Amino acid sequence: MSENTEGVGPPDGFSQRTMEPNQSTEVKGLQNLSPQGIGCTAGEAGDSGDHLSKAQQDIKHSLFNDTLRFLPEKFQTCTNFKSFTPTPPRKPRLERTSSLDELILRRRRFFRMSQDSLIDLTKMGSSNGSLEDRSLVRQQIVSSGNCHHNQESPLSLHRDSKTPNTLQAKLNLSDSHGRLSKVVPNQPPPPLELDGSFPSLRTTNRIDPDCADYRLCSQTFFPRTGSSWSDTQLHSRGMVCDNCSSISMKSSFSLLTPIRVRDVRNRSYLEGSLLASGALLGAEELNRYFPDRNIGIFVATWNMQGQKELPEVLDDFLLPTEPDYAQDMYVIGIQEGCPDRREWEIRLQETLGPHYVMFYTAAHGVLYMTVFLRRDLIWFCSEVEFATVTTRIVSQIKTKGALGVCFTFFGTSFLFITSHFTSGDGKVYERVLDYNKTIQALALPKNIPDTNPYRSSSSDVTTRFDNVFWFGDFNFRLNENREAVEQILNQGAETDFSKLLQHDQLIKEMNKGSIFKGFQEAPIFFRPSYKFDLGQDTYDSTSKQRIPSYTDRVIYRSRRKDDIHVVKYSSCLGIKTSDHRPVYGLFRVKVRPGRDNIPLAAGLFDRELYLIGIKRRITRELQKKQALKNQKTSSVCSVS
């Protein structure tokens, strides 16, 4: 056999069986056997040769002669061959580059076809129709769909044309009537990303495994207005250039609201409106800090009785353990304060720590009020204004009176008043006069615009603000004898404080409407805060035998209903340096966006006090660590 004829088999239609010489065979069409007749009929022989070149005709003649040489002689004379015309290979067709949408559609179509092929495999029956074979086939199909490396899937076996029975041999399938249930994927396919690329090919954006969940954490714990911007919005706002990644620009502006250059150049912030985009006190800035538009406020009152000695630790007072989180604002009112007011403020800063700054402090005689804010919030407050009222003119030391502090936070105005009313068991009328004088003589606000002037009254200062907190030593007593009060208090944990409050003078006057009109007080579930022996948990044991009473109170008022929500209302029994126990309240207050037309405080705070308080806090922590270290290294020798 020559090298040119290697691999050439018998023509189409020729049987491979050997014919016997005596077998009768009907021979037809032998006269049409010619080199031009291969692959065509007699009528087509002339037409096919016209389109062939001379070299191609020579190849056909040689192919015809070589074929006849290897056939038996009988078949060389009686076999009718079909003509064969080789065709030149097709020229490659130039296709345009697929777009991004077409790539995504092809990927989806390929995934759908693969799912259909897996379902078609389940329509085949098992060899014996048993349950074990069906479960085996189902497990192999599912495992082949889940594993992508070093496994042979049924889909590849089905497409193998050289071994058509491989699938049946491996899966032990036959043409029986048993049917497998359709394979349902355990979970839907993952969503396609907008960029159209596969995660395995994205090598340039690959990050460490420790930071793999950074995007999820940032979306879960840092919800911000700017994080929801699309790429188009970022381009339209001028935040993304053409040759940089918009994803990186998003991450850099996820915490701070972007500011446009034209706003900085042209806009007057003193003329801002409530709905202006980018307003300093507007809705965007408020939502960034308070998505629910509620802030936590701690309001406390304490009559120090003029004691020079201060508690060593104020954690139980300012940082009670019941709430999980600290508050955003701390307002502390003091009556009969200690002589060293600066030392008291330093102790407050030391207790609250570096996250808080003293926003404002004021004094009227021995009445003190201190306002602490989280340091991130001092930029959204107006200037602070305060006013005082003296109710006892005869006294040289102003021990009785009121001190008011007001400011605007975003678009909500606040007024805090601490008072010390006239003392005495039966002087209810004098205390009502103190209240009336305070609301009429307290001249606030001065320069801060009223957020709702249509609901304000010139005769009542509490109507000119959105939220009012009034706290102090009101000196209202219990109209009950000492023995009856002690009998109720000695019940222990089962003490019914409502029986005591039935005799409370303040509640009776508020129900009459003679005092604190429009104010509310949270339910009381703590022991009376007055009057204790110094350093003891027992009530007055002197000859005067004063009746335990709820003299220290915190009440509130709001222009809008349900804007103030009480979280906790209690007293601190751990501080025993005075005959009064501190009383505090935790509140959640609704805050609304405001206009940029108020005089801002410009982030002012007492920097010197801040540094002193932090240094003391660090020194205290170092002393605790040193004491603990000395305790661990010390040893005790025992002689047996």
Foldseek 3Di string as FASTA:
>chain_A
DDPVCPPPDDAPPDDPDDDDPPDDDDFPDLVQDDLLFAQADSVCSVVVVVVDDPVVSVVSRVVSVVNLVPDDPVCSRRPRHHRDDDDDDDDDDDDDDDDLVVLVVVVVVVVVVVLVVLQVVQFFAAPVLDPVLLVVVLVLQVVLVVDDPPDDHVVVLCPDPVCNCPSCVVSRTDRDNHGHDGDDDPDDDDDDDPVNDDPVPPVVPDDDPVCPCVVVVCVPPQDAPLLPDDPVVCVVLVQDDPPDDVVVSSVVCSQPPDDRPCCVVDPDQLPFFQPDPPRPLHDRVQCNVPVPQKFKEKEKEDELLQDQDDDPACCCPQPNPPDPDHTFKYKYKYANAYPPVLVVLLNVLLRVDLQKFFLDWDDDQRIIMTMIGGLVQQFQKFDKDKFWAALDPVDPRRRFTKIWIWIAGFLFIEIEMEGAFDADAPPPVRLLVRQQCRQQPTDDDDAFDQSDVVQDDNRGNVRRGFKYKYWYQSNWFFPDDQVVQVVQVVPPPPRDCVVRVVRTPVVVCVVVVSHDPQKDFDDDDEFAFDFPDAPDPDHDPDPVSDHRGNRTGMIMHGPDPPQKDWDDWYWRPPDRRHRGTMTMTMIIGRHHHRGSNGHRPNSDGDPVSNVSSNVVSVVVVVVVVVVVVVVVPDDDDDDD
